């Protein structure tokens, strides 16, 4: 399942080579909402993996962006204790203008999109 959020890019970190064949990169967006007259600001940290680590380079700190991501969770056992981690894995970013409909910009790469699972089956049987 895919999710999306729109906010301002406020941090971009270096690529980390985790193993010889696996690399990650993290970035943060700021998302503010008005809830009952109070402005609540959240800072959401995402990770990109492998070939997606370069997509953050197309954007500047302060840009308003829409991030499409998946939620992934991992469980591992260390010294007999179960541990859990949740990652927000970003797979697509695009520029948006706040206050307008989110429309793709020149930075959009449609090849970054995973296949959709909600295709209509129009077969008669």
PDB file of N, CA and C in Angstrom:
ATOM      1  N   UNK A   1       0.839  -1.170   0.000  1.00  0.00           N
ATOM      2  CA  UNK A   1       0.000   0.000   0.000  1.00  0.00           C
ATOM      3  C   UNK A   1       0.886   1.234   0.000  1.00  0.00           C
ATOM      4  N   UNK A   2       0.473   2.230  -0.757  1.00  0.00           N
ATOM      5  CA  UNK A   2       1.261   3.448  -0.899  1.00  0.00           C
ATOM      6  C   UNK A   2       0.563   4.616  -0.209  1.00  0.00           C
ATOM      7  N   UNK A   3       1.354   5.507   0.358  1.00  0.00           N
ATOM      8  CA  UNK A   3       0.859   6.690   1.043  1.00  0.00           C
ATOM      9  C   UNK A   3       1.523   7.915   0.435  1.00  0.00           C
ATOM     10  N   UNK A   4       0.966   9.096   0.714  1.00  0.00           N
ATOM     11  CA  UNK A   4       1.616  10.318   0.269  1.00  0.00           C
ATOM     12  C   UNK A   4       1.392  11.418   1.293  1.00  0.00           C
ATOM     13  N   UNK A   5       2.322  12.364   1.312  1.00  0.00           N
ATOM     14  CA  UNK A   5       2.254  13.505   2.211  1.00  0.00           C
ATOM     15  C   UNK A   5       2.911  14.686   1.505  1.00  0.00           C
ATOM     16  N   UNK A   6       2.403  15.874   1.775  1.00  0.00           N
ATOM     17  CA  UNK A   6       2.957  17.083   1.199  1.00  0.00           C
ATOM     18  C   UNK A   6       3.491  17.963   2.322  1.00  0.00           C
ATOM     19  N   UNK A   7       4.666  18.514   2.129  1.00  0.00           N
ATOM     20  CA  UNK A   7       5.271  19.380   3.129  1.00  0.00           C
ATOM     21  C   UNK A   7       6.513  20.047   2.573  1.00  0.00           C
ATOM     22  N   UNK A   8       7.258  20.700   3.464  1.00  0.00           N
ATOM     23  CA  UNK A   8       8.463  21.431   3.069  1.00  0.00           C
ATOM     24  C   UNK A   8       9.696  20.606   3.394  1.00  0.00           C
ATOM     25  N   UNK A   9      10.600  20.463   2.421  1.00  0.00           N
ATOM     26  CA  UNK A   9      11.861  19.756   2.642  1.00  0.00           C
ATOM     27  C   UNK A   9      12.730  20.604   3.566  1.00  0.00           C
ATOM     28  N   UNK A  10      13.077  20.051   4.742  1.00  0.00           N
ATOM     29  CA  UNK A  10      13.854  20.821   5.725  1.00  0.00           C
ATOM     30  C   UNK A  10      15.224  20.219   6.036  1.00  0.00           C
ATOM     31  N   UNK A  11      15.449  18.976   5.647  1.00  0.00           N
ATOM     32  CA  UNK A  11      16.759  18.360   5.893  1.00  0.00           C
ATOM     33  C   UNK A  11      17.000  17.262   4.870  1.00  0.00           C
ATOM     34  N   UNK A  12      18.265  17.135   4.500  1.00  0.00           N
ATOM     35  CA  UNK A  12      18.681  16.095   3.547  1.00  0.00           C
ATOM     36  C   UNK A  12      20.037  15.599   4.036  1.00  0.00           C
ATOM     37  N   UNK A  13      20.143  14.299   4.233  1.00  0.00           N
ATOM     38  CA  UNK A  13      21.360  13.731   4.796  1.00  0.00           C
ATOM     39  C   UNK A  13      22.173  13.011   3.721  1.00  0.00           C
ATOM     40  N   UNK A  14      23.416  12.678   4.049  1.00  0.00           N
ATOM     41  CA  UNK A  14      24.302  11.993   3.112  1.00  0.00           C
ATOM     42  C   UNK A  14      23.860  10.556   2.883  1.00  0.00           C
ATOM     43  N   UNK A  15      24.272  10.020   1.760  1.00  0.00           N
ATOM     44  CA  UNK A  15      24.042   8.607   1.441  1.00  0.00           C
ATOM     45  C   UNK A  15      24.920   7.770   2.371  1.00  0.00           C
ATOM     46  N   UNK A  16      24.344   6.701   2.919  1.00  0.00           N
ATOM     47  CA  UNK A  16      25.083   5.794   3.789  1.00  0.00           C
ATOM     48  C   UNK A  16      25.158   4.435   3.094  1.00  0.00           C
ATOM     49  N   UNK A  17      26.381   3.965   2.858  1.00  0.00           N
ATOM     50  CA  UNK A  17      26.596   2.653   2.249  1.00  0.00           C
ATOM     51  C   UNK A  17      26.542   1.619   3.367  1.00  0.00           C
ATOM     52  N   UNK A  18      25.406   0.919   3.500  1.00  0.00           N
ATOM     53  CA  UNK A  18      25.188  -0.015   4.609  1.00  0.00           C
ATOM     54  C   UNK A  18      25.985  -1.309   4.433  1.00  0.00           C
ATOM     55  N   UNK A  19      25.990  -1.824   3.214  1.00  0.00           N
ATOM     56  CA  UNK A  19      26.795  -2.997   2.857  1.00  0.00           C
ATOM     57  C   UNK A  19      27.386  -2.708   1.484  1.00  0.00           C
ATOM     58  N   UNK A  20      28.119  -3.646   0.951  1.00  0.00           N
ATOM     59  CA  UNK A  20      28.711  -3.453  -0.365  1.00  0.00           C
ATOM     60  C   UNK A  20      27.652  -3.226  -1.442  1.00  0.00           C
ATOM     61  N   UNK A  21      26.463  -3.789  -1.248  1.00  0.00           N
ATOM     62  CA  UNK A  21      25.424  -3.718  -2.275  1.00  0.00           C
ATOM     63  C   UNK A  21      24.159  -2.979  -1.830  1.00  0.00           C
ATOM     64  N   UNK A  22      24.165  -2.354  -0.651  1.00  0.00           N
ATOM     65  CA  UNK A  22      22.948  -1.707  -0.147  1.00  0.00           C
ATOM     66  C   UNK A  22      23.271  -0.333   0.426  1.00  0.00           C
ATOM     67  N   UNK A  23      22.544   0.705  -0.071  1.00  0.00           N
ATOM     68  CA  UNK A  23      22.753   2.064   0.420  1.00  0.00           C
ATOM     69  C   UNK A  23      21.409   2.707   0.757  1.00  0.00           C
ATOM     70  N   UNK A  24      21.456   3.657   1.715  1.00  0.00           N
ATOM     71  CA  UNK A  24      20.253   4.369   2.133  1.00  0.00           C
ATOM     72  C   UNK A  24      20.568   5.866   2.241  1.00  0.00           C
ATOM     73  N   UNK A  25      19.500   6.638   2.307  1.00  0.00           N
ATOM     74  CA  UNK A  25      19.626   8.077   2.519  1.00  0.00           C
ATOM     75  C   UNK A  25      18.353   8.548   3.212  1.00  0.00           C
ATOM     76  N   UNK A  26      18.494   9.488   4.111  1.00  0.00           N
ATOM     77  CA  UNK A  26      17.336  10.004   4.826  1.00  0.00           C
ATOM     78  C   UNK A  26      17.124  11.480   4.512  1.00  0.00           C
ATOM     79  N   UNK A  27      15.853  11.901   4.603  1.00  0.00           N
ATOM     80  CA  UNK A  27      15.502  13.305   4.467  1.00  0.00           C
ATOM     81  C   UNK A  27      14.264  13.563   5.316  1.00  0.00           C
ATOM     82  N   UNK A  28      13.996  14.850   5.597  1.00  0.00           N
ATOM     83  CA  UNK A  28      12.909  15.225   6.495  1.00  0.00           C
ATOM     84  C   UNK A  28      12.040  16.283   5.826  1.00  0.00           C
ATOM     85  N   UNK A  29      10.726  16.122   5.962  1.00  0.00           N
ATOM     86  CA  UNK A  29       9.826  17.187   5.553  1.00  0.00           C
ATOM     87  C   UNK A  29       9.073  17.700   6.775  1.00  0.00           C
ATOM     88  N   UNK A  30       8.719  18.965   6.707  1.00  0.00           N
ATOM     89  CA  UNK A  30       7.940  19.620   7.758  1.00  0.00           C
ATOM     90  C   UNK A  30       6.499  19.712   7.271  1.00  0.00           C
ATOM     91  N   UNK A  31       5.576  19.248   8.092  1.00  0.00           N
ATOM     92  CA  UNK A  31       4.152  19.255   7.746  1.00  0.00           C
ATOM     93  C   UNK A  31       3.398  19.968   8.854  1.00  0.00           C
ATOM     94  N   UNK A  32       2.764  21.094   8.525  1.00  0.00           N
ATOM     95  CA  UNK A  32       1.990  21.847   9.512  1.00  0.00           C
ATOM     96  C   UNK A  32       0.507  21.709   9.211  1.00  0.00           C
ATOM     97  N   UNK A  33      -0.286  21.577  10.278  1.00  0.00           N
ATOM     98  CA  UNK A  33      -1.737  21.465  10.147  1.00  0.00           C
ATOM     99  C   UNK A  33      -2.400  22.362  11.173  1.00  0.00           C
ATOM    100  N   UNK A  34      -3.553  22.906  10.810  1.00  0.00           N
ATOM    101  CA  UNK A  34      -4.352  23.694  11.738  1.00  0.00           C
ATOM    102  C   UNK A  34      -5.380  22.760  12.354  1.00  0.00           C
ATOM    103  N   UNK A  35      -5.276  22.524  13.647  1.00  0.00           N
ATOM    104  CA  UNK A  35      -6.201  21.645  14.363  1.00  0.00           C
ATOM    105  C   UNK A  35      -6.875  22.465  15.453  1.00  0.00           C
ATOM    106  N   UNK A  36      -8.162  22.725  15.253  1.00  0.00           N
ATOM    107  CA  UNK A  36      -8.956  23.502  16.213  1.00  0.00           C
ATOM    108  C   UNK A  36      -8.307  24.839  16.551  1.00  0.00           C
ATOM    109  N   UNK A  37      -7.804  25.532  15.529  1.00  0.00           N
ATOM    110  CA  UNK A  37      -7.230  26.848  15.734  1.00  0.00           C
ATOM    111  C   UNK A  37      -5.775  26.862  16.173  1.00  0.00           C
ATOM    112  N   UNK A  38      -5.183  25.696  16.377  1.00  0.00           N
ATOM    113  CA  UNK A  38      -3.771  25.609  16.753  1.00  0.00           C
ATOM    114  C   UNK A  38      -2.980  25.017  15.600  1.00  0.00           C
ATOM    115  N   UNK A  39      -1.832  25.588  15.331  1.00  0.00           N
ATOM    116  CA  UNK A  39      -0.963  25.042  14.297  1.00  0.00           C
ATOM    117  C   UNK A  39      -0.064  23.987  14.925  1.00  0.00           C
ATOM    118  N   UNK A  40      -0.168  22.785  14.403  1.00  0.00           N
ATOM    119  CA  UNK A  40       0.659  21.668  14.855  1.00  0.00           C
ATOM    120  C   UNK A  40       1.659  21.352  13.744  1.00  0.00           C
ATOM    121  N   UNK A  41       2.939  21.339  14.090  1.00  0.00           N
ATOM    122  CA  UNK A  41       3.981  21.056  13.111  1.00  0.00           C
ATOM    123  C   UNK A  41       4.626  19.715  13.438  1.00  0.00           C
ATOM    124  N   UNK A  42       4.708  18.866  12.428  1.00  0.00           N
ATOM    125  CA  UNK A  42       5.369  17.566  12.547  1.00  0.00           C
ATOM    126  C   UNK A  42       6.557  17.535  11.602  1.00  0.00           C
ATOM    127  N   UNK A  43       7.581  16.816  12.002  1.00  0.00           N
ATOM    128  CA  UNK A  43       8.754  16.595  11.177  1.00  0.00           C
ATOM    129  C   UNK A  43       8.808  15.108  10.879  1.00  0.00           C
ATOM    130  N   UNK A  44       8.692  14.764   9.597  1.00  0.00           N
ATOM    131  CA  UNK A  44       8.588  13.372   9.187  1.00  0.00           C
ATOM    132  C   UNK A  44       9.869  12.981   8.458  1.00  0.00           C
ATOM    133  N   UNK A  45      10.548  11.946   8.997  1.00  0.00           N
ATOM    134  CA  UNK A  45      11.807  11.486   8.398  1.00  0.00           C
ATOM    135  C   UNK A  45      11.529  10.274   7.513  1.00  0.00           C
ATOM    136  N   UNK A  46      12.044  10.327   6.292  1.00  0.00           N
ATOM    137  CA  UNK A  46      11.907   9.252   5.318  1.00  0.00           C
ATOM    138  C   UNK A  46      13.271   8.667   5.015  1.00  0.00           C
ATOM    139  N   UNK A  47      13.256   7.465   4.471  1.00  0.00           N
ATOM    140  CA  UNK A  47      14.489   6.900   3.930  1.00  0.00           C
ATOM    141  C   UNK A  47      14.252   6.550   2.471  1.00  0.00           C
ATOM    142  N   UNK A  48      15.312   6.627   1.697  1.00  0.00           N
ATOM    143  CA  UNK A  48      15.332   6.157   0.310  1.00  0.00           C
ATOM    144  C   UNK A  48      16.367   5.047   0.263  1.00  0.00           C
ATOM    145  N   UNK A  49      16.169   4.105  -0.620  1.00  0.00           N
ATOM    146  CA  UNK A  49      17.135   3.023  -0.749  1.00  0.00           C
ATOM    147  C   UNK A  49      17.573   2.868  -2.200  1.00  0.00           C
ATOM    148  N   UNK A  50      18.771   2.343  -2.354  1.00  0.00           N
ATOM    149  CA  UNK A  50      19.357   1.987  -3.639  1.00  0.00           C
ATOM    150  C   UNK A  50      19.315   3.149  -4.636  1.00  0.00           C
ATOM    151  N   UNK A  51      18.714   2.947  -5.817  1.00  0.00           N
ATOM    152  CA  UNK A  51      18.727   3.972  -6.859  1.00  0.00           C
ATOM    153  C   UNK A  51      17.855   5.179  -6.519  1.00  0.00           C
ATOM    154  N   UNK A  52      17.013   5.095  -5.514  1.00  0.00           N
ATOM    155  CA  UNK A  52      16.156   6.222  -5.110  1.00  0.00           C
ATOM    156  C   UNK A  52      16.913   7.249  -4.264  1.00  0.00           C
ATOM    157  N   UNK A  53      18.132   6.927  -3.811  1.00  0.00           N
ATOM    158  CA  UNK A  53      18.871   7.852  -2.944  1.00  0.00           C
ATOM    159  C   UNK A  53      19.204   9.159  -3.657  1.00  0.00           C
ATOM    160  N   UNK A  54      19.274   9.155  -4.970  1.00  0.00           N
ATOM    161  CA  UNK A  54      19.622  10.367  -5.720  1.00  0.00           C
ATOM    162  C   UNK A  54      18.424  11.279  -5.960  1.00  0.00           C
ATOM    163  N   UNK A  55      17.207  10.789  -5.793  1.00  0.00           N
ATOM    164  CA  UNK A  55      16.040  11.613  -6.136  1.00  0.00           C
ATOM    165  C   UNK A  55      15.945  12.875  -5.278  1.00  0.00           C
ATOM    166  N   UNK A  56      16.466  12.860  -4.081  1.00  0.00           N
ATOM    167  CA  UNK A  56      16.395  14.012  -3.188  1.00  0.00           C
ATOM    168  C   UNK A  56      17.258  15.160  -3.709  1.00  0.00           C
ATOM    169  N   UNK A  57      18.279  14.856  -4.507  1.00  0.00           N
ATOM    170  CA  UNK A  57      19.181  15.881  -5.030  1.00  0.00           C
ATOM    171  C   UNK A  57      18.485  16.874  -5.956  1.00  0.00           C
ATOM    172  N   UNK A  58      17.347  16.520  -6.518  1.00  0.00           N
ATOM    173  CA  UNK A  58      16.635  17.398  -7.452  1.00  0.00           C
ATOM    174  C   UNK A  58      15.917  18.546  -6.743  1.00  0.00           C
ATOM    175  N   UNK A  59      15.906  18.522  -5.407  1.00  0.00           N
ATOM    176  CA  UNK A  59      15.135  19.496  -4.641  1.00  0.00           C
ATOM    177  C   UNK A  59      16.033  20.292  -3.716  1.00  0.00           C
ATOM    178  N   UNK A  60      15.607  21.511  -3.431  1.00  0.00           N
ATOM    179  CA  UNK A  60      16.343  22.388  -2.528  1.00  0.00           C
ATOM    180  C   UNK A  60      15.660  22.417  -1.167  1.00  0.00           C
ATOM    181  N   UNK A  61      16.444  22.657  -0.132  1.00  0.00           N
ATOM    182  CA  UNK A  61      15.872  22.847   1.195  1.00  0.00           C
ATOM    183  C   UNK A  61      14.891  24.019   1.106  1.00  0.00           C
ATOM    184  N   UNK A  62      13.696  23.830   1.644  1.00  0.00           N
ATOM    185  CA  UNK A  62      12.653  24.853   1.582  1.00  0.00           C
ATOM    186  C   UNK A  62      11.622  24.613   0.497  1.00  0.00           C
ATOM    187  N   UNK A  63      11.908  23.710  -0.449  1.00  0.00           N
ATOM    188  CA  UNK A  63      10.936  23.391  -1.498  1.00  0.00           C
ATOM    189  C   UNK A  63       9.735  22.663  -0.904  1.00  0.00           C
ATOM    190  N   UNK A  64       8.551  22.974  -1.426  1.00  0.00           N
ATOM    191  CA  UNK A  64       7.358  22.213  -1.076  1.00  0.00           C
ATOM    192  C   UNK A  64       7.307  20.997  -1.983  1.00  0.00           C
ATOM    193  N   UNK A  65       7.198  19.824  -1.371  1.00  0.00           N
ATOM    194  CA  UNK A  65       7.242  18.579  -2.129  1.00  0.00           C
ATOM    195  C   UNK A  65       6.117  17.636  -1.707  1.00  0.00           C
ATOM    196  N   UNK A  66       5.764  16.776  -2.636  1.00  0.00           N
ATOM    197  CA  UNK A  66       4.868  15.670  -2.320  1.00  0.00           C
ATOM    198  C   UNK A  66       5.721  14.410  -2.342  1.00  0.00           C
ATOM    199  N   UNK A  67       5.644  13.635  -1.269  1.00  0.00           N
ATOM    200  CA  UNK A  67       6.426  12.409  -1.142  1.00  0.00           C
ATOM    201  C   UNK A  67       5.467  11.227  -1.167  1.00  0.00           C
ATOM    202  N   UNK A  68       5.745  10.269  -2.017  1.00  0.00           N
ATOM    203  CA  UNK A  68       4.996   9.023  -2.029  1.00  0.00           C
ATOM    204  C   UNK A  68       5.888   7.964  -1.408  1.00  0.00           C
ATOM    205  N   UNK A  69       5.296   7.158  -0.514  1.00  0.00           N
ATOM    206  CA  UNK A  69       6.112   6.243   0.280  1.00  0.00           C
ATOM    207  C   UNK A  69       5.326   5.010   0.688  1.00  0.00           C
ATOM    208  N   UNK A  70       6.059   4.006   1.116  1.00  0.00           N
ATOM    209  CA  UNK A  70       5.505   2.785   1.682  1.00  0.00           C
ATOM    210  C   UNK A  70       5.953   2.696   3.134  1.00  0.00           C
ATOM    211  N   UNK A  71       5.144   2.046   3.951  1.00  0.00           N
ATOM    212  CA  UNK A  71       5.519   1.793   5.341  1.00  0.00           C
ATOM    213  C   UNK A  71       6.060   0.380   5.420  1.00  0.00           C
ATOM    214  N   UNK A  72       7.260   0.238   5.966  1.00  0.00           N
ATOM    215  CA  UNK A  72       7.883  -1.083   6.094  1.00  0.00           C
ATOM    216  C   UNK A  72       8.325  -1.302   7.532  1.00  0.00           C
ATOM    217  N   UNK A  73       8.091  -2.479   8.027  1.00  0.00           N
ATOM    218  CA  UNK A  73       8.496  -2.817   9.381  1.00  0.00           C
ATOM    219  C   UNK A  73       9.391  -4.040   9.382  1.00  0.00           C
ATOM    220  N   UNK A  74      10.345  -4.050  10.285  1.00  0.00           N
ATOM    221  CA  UNK A  74      11.290  -5.155  10.395  1.00  0.00           C
ATOM    222  C   UNK A  74      11.378  -5.606  11.850  1.00  0.00           C
ATOM    223  N   UNK A  75      11.514  -6.914  12.024  1.00  0.00           N
ATOM    224  CA  UNK A  75      11.698  -7.497  13.347  1.00  0.00           C
ATOM    225  C   UNK A  75      13.015  -8.260  13.328  1.00  0.00           C
ATOM    226  N   UNK A  76      13.790  -8.136  14.408  1.00  0.00           N
ATOM    227  CA  UNK A  76      15.002  -8.934  14.534  1.00  0.00           C
ATOM    228  C   UNK A  76      15.212  -9.252  16.003  1.00  0.00           C
ATOM    229  N   UNK A  77      15.985 -10.294  16.249  1.00  0.00           N
ATOM    230  CA  UNK A  77      16.277 -10.714  17.620  1.00  0.00           C
ATOM    231  C   UNK A  77      17.769 -10.515  17.876  1.00  0.00           C
ATOM    232  N   UNK A  78      18.071  -9.803  18.965  1.00  0.00           N
ATOM    233  CA  UNK A  78      19.460  -9.576  19.350  1.00  0.00           C
ATOM    234  C   UNK A  78      19.576  -9.875  20.837  1.00  0.00           C
ATOM    235  N   UNK A  79      20.491 -10.763  21.158  1.00  0.00           N
ATOM    236  CA  UNK A  79      20.718 -11.175  22.541  1.00  0.00           C
ATOM    237  C   UNK A  79      19.422 -11.641  23.204  1.00  0.00           C
ATOM    238  N   UNK A  80      18.613 -12.371  22.430  1.00  0.00           N
ATOM    239  CA  UNK A  80      17.371 -12.934  22.947  1.00  0.00           C
ATOM    240  C   UNK A  80      16.218 -11.959  23.071  1.00  0.00           C
ATOM    241  N   UNK A  81      16.419 -10.708  22.688  1.00  0.00           N
ATOM    242  CA  UNK A  81      15.369  -9.692  22.795  1.00  0.00           C
ATOM    243  C   UNK A  81      14.849  -9.327  21.408  1.00  0.00           C
ATOM    244  N   UNK A  82      13.506  -9.325  21.258  1.00  0.00           N
ATOM    245  CA  UNK A  82      12.908  -8.931  19.986  1.00  0.00           C
ATOM    246  C   UNK A  82      12.948  -7.413  19.848  1.00  0.00           C
ATOM    247  N   UNK A  83      13.329  -6.954  18.666  1.00  0.00           N
ATOM    248  CA  UNK A  83      13.397  -5.527  18.352  1.00  0.00           C
ATOM    249  C   UNK A  83      12.586  -5.266  17.090  1.00  0.00           C
ATOM    250  N   UNK A  84      12.043  -4.059  16.986  1.00  0.00           N
ATOM    251  CA  UNK A  84      11.229  -3.679  15.832  1.00  0.00           C
ATOM    252  C   UNK A  84      11.640  -2.294  15.354  1.00  0.00           C
ATOM    253  N   UNK A  85      11.539  -2.087  14.055  1.00  0.00           N
ATOM    254  CA  UNK A  85      11.796  -0.777  13.478  1.00  0.00           C
ATOM    255  C   UNK A  85      10.792  -0.562  12.348  1.00  0.00           C
ATOM    256  N   UNK A  86      10.334   0.664  12.208  1.00  0.00           N
ATOM    257  CA  UNK A  86       9.428   1.038  11.128  1.00  0.00           C
ATOM    258  C   UNK A  86      10.106   2.101  10.282  1.00  0.00           C
ATOM    259  N   UNK A  87      10.090   1.907   8.969  1.00  0.00           N
ATOM    260  CA  UNK A  87      10.669   2.864   8.037  1.00  0.00           C
ATOM    261  C   UNK A  87       9.596   3.387   7.101  1.00  0.00           C
ATOM    262  N   UNK A  88       9.703   4.656   6.763  1.00  0.00           N
ATOM    263  CA  UNK A  88       8.887   5.254   5.721  1.00  0.00           C
ATOM    264  C   UNK A  88       9.777   5.308   4.485  1.00  0.00           C
ATOM    265  N   UNK A  89       9.579   4.359   3.569  1.00  0.00           N
ATOM    266  CA  UNK A  89      10.435   4.233   2.388  1.00  0.00           C
ATOM    267  C   UNK A  89       9.880   5.063   1.233  1.00  0.00           C
ATOM    268  N   UNK A  90      10.525   6.204   0.974  1.00  0.00           N
ATOM    269  CA  UNK A  90      10.111   7.090  -0.108  1.00  0.00           C
ATOM    270  C   UNK A  90      10.542   6.507  -1.441  1.00  0.00           C
ATOM    271  N   UNK A  91       9.629   6.527  -2.410  1.00  0.00           N
ATOM    272  CA  UNK A  91       9.959   6.014  -3.739  1.00  0.00           C
ATOM    273  C   UNK A  91       9.697   7.027  -4.839  1.00  0.00           C
ATOM    274  N   UNK A  92       9.078   8.177  -4.473  1.00  0.00           N
ATOM    275  CA  UNK A  92       8.843   9.219  -5.471  1.00  0.00           C
ATOM    276  C   UNK A  92       8.683  10.560  -4.768  1.00  0.00           C
ATOM    277  N   UNK A  93       9.226  11.616  -5.391  1.00  0.00           N
ATOM    278  CA  UNK A  93       9.065  12.988  -4.904  1.00  0.00           C
ATOM    279  C   UNK A  93       8.754  13.873  -6.092  1.00  0.00           C
ATOM    280  N   UNK A  94       7.922  14.884  -5.847  1.00  0.00           N
ATOM    281  CA  UNK A  94       7.651  15.868  -6.883  1.00  0.00           C
ATOM    282  C   UNK A  94       7.415  17.223  -6.234  1.00  0.00           C
ATOM    283  N   UNK A  95       7.657  18.277  -6.986  1.00  0.00           N
ATOM    284  CA  UNK A  95       7.450  19.626  -6.508  1.00  0.00           C
ATOM    285  C   UNK A  95       5.968  19.949  -6.559  1.00  0.00           C
ATOM    286  N   UNK A  96       5.480  20.644  -5.538  1.00  0.00           N
ATOM    287  CA  UNK A  96       4.091  21.119  -5.543  1.00  0.00           C
ATOM    288  C   UNK A  96       4.076  22.569  -5.102  1.00  0.00           C
ATOM    289  N   UNK A  97       3.026  23.244  -5.488  1.00  0.00           N
ATOM    290  CA  UNK A  97       2.795  24.601  -5.025  1.00  0.00           C
ATOM    291  C   UNK A  97       1.674  24.524  -4.016  1.00  0.00           C
ATOM    292  N   UNK A  98       1.969  24.860  -2.773  1.00  0.00           N
ATOM    293  CA  UNK A  98       0.984  24.800  -1.705  1.00  0.00           C
ATOM    294  C   UNK A  98      -0.180  25.719  -2.055  1.00  0.00           C
ATOM    295  N   UNK A  99      -1.400  25.223  -1.835  1.00  0.00           N
ATOM    296  CA  UNK A  99      -2.592  25.994  -2.139  1.00  0.00           C
ATOM    297  C   UNK A  99      -3.163  25.681  -3.505  1.00  0.00           C
ATOM    298  N   UNK A 100      -2.464  24.890  -4.288  1.00  0.00           N
ATOM    299  CA  UNK A 100      -2.952  24.473  -5.587  1.00  0.00           C
ATOM    300  C   UNK A 100      -3.014  22.965  -5.604  1.00  0.00           C
ATOM    301  N   UNK A 101      -3.719  22.428  -6.594  1.00  0.00           N
ATOM    302  CA  UNK A 101      -3.747  20.977  -6.732  1.00  0.00           C
ATOM    303  C   UNK A 101      -2.338  20.479  -6.965  1.00  0.00           C
ATOM    304  N   UNK A 102      -2.036  19.339  -6.381  1.00  0.00           N
ATOM    305  CA  UNK A 102      -0.709  18.744  -6.560  1.00  0.00           C
ATOM    306  C   UNK A 102      -0.622  18.172  -7.957  1.00  0.00           C
ATOM    307  N   UNK A 103       0.124  18.852  -8.822  1.00  0.00           N
ATOM    308  CA  UNK A 103       0.291  18.380 -10.183  1.00  0.00           C
ATOM    309  C   UNK A 103       1.762  18.058 -10.407  1.00  0.00           C
ATOM    310  N   UNK A 104       2.047  17.071 -11.233  1.00  0.00           N
ATOM    311  CA  UNK A 104       3.439  16.710 -11.466  1.00  0.00           C
ATOM    312  C   UNK A 104       4.220  17.874 -12.072  1.00  0.00           C
ATOM    313  N   UNK A 105       5.470  17.996 -11.673  1.00  0.00           N
ATOM    314  CA  UNK A 105       6.351  19.023 -12.221  1.00  0.00           C
ATOM    315  C   UNK A 105       7.329  18.380 -13.187  1.00  0.00           C
ATOM    316  N   UNK A 106       8.236  19.203 -13.671  1.00  0.00           N
ATOM    317  CA  UNK A 106       9.264  18.675 -14.568  1.00  0.00           C
ATOM    318  C   UNK A 106      10.163  17.678 -13.866  1.00  0.00           C
ATOM    319  N   UNK A 107      10.153  17.662 -12.519  1.00  0.00           N
ATOM    320  CA  UNK A 107      10.991  16.737 -11.759  1.00  0.00           C
ATOM    321  C   UNK A 107      10.386  15.344 -11.668  1.00  0.00           C
ATOM    322  N   UNK A 108       9.166  15.181 -12.162  1.00  0.00           N
ATOM    323  CA  UNK A 108       8.485  13.899 -12.035  1.00  0.00           C
ATOM    324  C   UNK A 108       9.111  12.877 -12.974  1.00  0.00           C
ATOM    325  N   UNK A 109       9.343  11.707 -12.458  1.00  0.00           N
ATOM    326  CA  UNK A 109       9.832  10.605 -13.266  1.00  0.00           C
ATOM    327  C   UNK A 109       8.842   9.467 -13.118  1.00  0.00           C
ATOM    328  N   UNK A 110       7.995   9.293 -14.120  1.00  0.00           N
ATOM    329  CA  UNK A 110       6.951   8.295 -14.013  1.00  0.00           C
ATOM    330  C   UNK A 110       7.508   6.881 -13.943  1.00  0.00           C
ATOM    331  N   UNK A 111       8.755   6.695 -14.326  1.00  0.00           N
ATOM    332  CA  UNK A 111       9.361   5.369 -14.229  1.00  0.00           C
ATOM    333  C   UNK A 111       9.649   4.992 -12.785  1.00  0.00           C
ATOM    334  N   UNK A 112       9.605   5.988 -11.871  1.00  0.00           N
ATOM    335  CA  UNK A 112       9.821   5.715 -10.454  1.00  0.00           C
ATOM    336  C   UNK A 112       8.611   5.060  -9.801  1.00  0.00           C
ATOM    337  N   UNK A 113       7.471   5.081 -10.489  1.00  0.00           N
ATOM    338  CA  UNK A 113       6.247   4.592  -9.882  1.00  0.00           C
ATOM    339  C   UNK A 113       6.193   3.063  -9.906  1.00  0.00           C
ATOM    340  N   UNK A 114       5.811   2.455  -8.780  1.00  0.00           N
ATOM    341  CA  UNK A 114       5.636   1.010  -8.787  1.00  0.00           C
ATOM    342  C   UNK A 114       4.342   0.666  -9.508  1.00  0.00           C
ATOM    343  N   UNK A 115       4.165  -0.558  -9.951  1.00  0.00           N
ATOM    344  CA  UNK A 115       2.933  -0.918 -10.623  1.00  0.00           C
ATOM    345  C   UNK A 115       1.746  -0.784  -9.674  1.00  0.00           C
ATOM    346  N   UNK A 116       0.621  -0.369 -10.232  1.00  0.00           N
ATOM    347  CA  UNK A 116      -0.575  -0.244  -9.409  1.00  0.00           C
ATOM    348  C   UNK A 116      -1.306  -1.567  -9.362  1.00  0.00           C
ATOM    349  N   UNK A 117      -1.976  -1.787  -8.251  1.00  0.00           N
ATOM    350  CA  UNK A 117      -2.710  -3.025  -8.068  1.00  0.00           C
ATOM    351  C   UNK A 117      -4.210  -2.829  -8.240  1.00  0.00           C
ATOM    352  N   UNK A 118      -4.653  -1.597  -8.523  1.00  0.00           N
ATOM    353  CA  UNK A 118      -6.072  -1.333  -8.618  1.00  0.00           C
ATOM    354  C   UNK A 118      -6.527  -1.169 -10.068  1.00  0.00           C
ATOM    355  N   UNK A 119      -5.962  -1.954 -10.971  1.00  0.00           N
ATOM    356  CA  UNK A 119      -6.375  -1.925 -12.370  1.00  0.00           C
ATOM    357  C   UNK A 119      -7.757  -2.551 -12.496  1.00  0.00           C
ATOM    358  N   UNK A 120      -8.540  -2.002 -13.419  1.00  0.00           N
ATOM    359  CA  UNK A 120      -9.907  -2.496 -13.616  1.00  0.00           C
ATOM    360  C   UNK A 120      -9.856  -3.736 -14.493  1.00  0.00           C
ATOM    361  N   UNK A 121     -10.550  -4.760 -14.065  1.00  0.00           N
ATOM    362  CA  UNK A 121     -10.654  -5.984 -14.847  1.00  0.00           C
ATOM    363  C   UNK A 121     -11.902  -5.870 -15.697  1.00  0.00           C
ATOM    364  N   UNK A 122     -11.721  -5.662 -17.010  1.00  0.00           N
ATOM    365  CA  UNK A 122     -12.871  -5.483 -17.877  1.00  0.00           C
ATOM    366  C   UNK A 122     -13.155  -6.720 -18.730  1.00  0.00           C
ATOM    367  N   UNK A 123     -12.627  -7.869 -18.332  1.00  0.00           N
ATOM    368  CA  UNK A 123     -12.903  -9.108 -19.049  1.00  0.00           C
ATOM    369  C   UNK A 123     -14.334  -9.560 -18.775  1.00  0.00           C
ATOM    370  N   UNK A 124     -15.018 -10.067 -19.797  1.00  0.00           N
ATOM    371  CA  UNK A 124     -16.431 -10.430 -19.621  1.00  0.00           C
ATOM    372  C   UNK A 124     -16.661 -11.732 -18.847  1.00  0.00           C
ATOM    373  N   UNK A 125     -15.658 -12.413 -18.412  1.00  0.00           N
ATOM    374  CA  UNK A 125     -15.852 -13.673 -17.688  1.00  0.00           C
ATOM    375  C   UNK A 125     -15.101 -13.692 -16.398  1.00  0.00           C
TER     376      UNK A 125
END
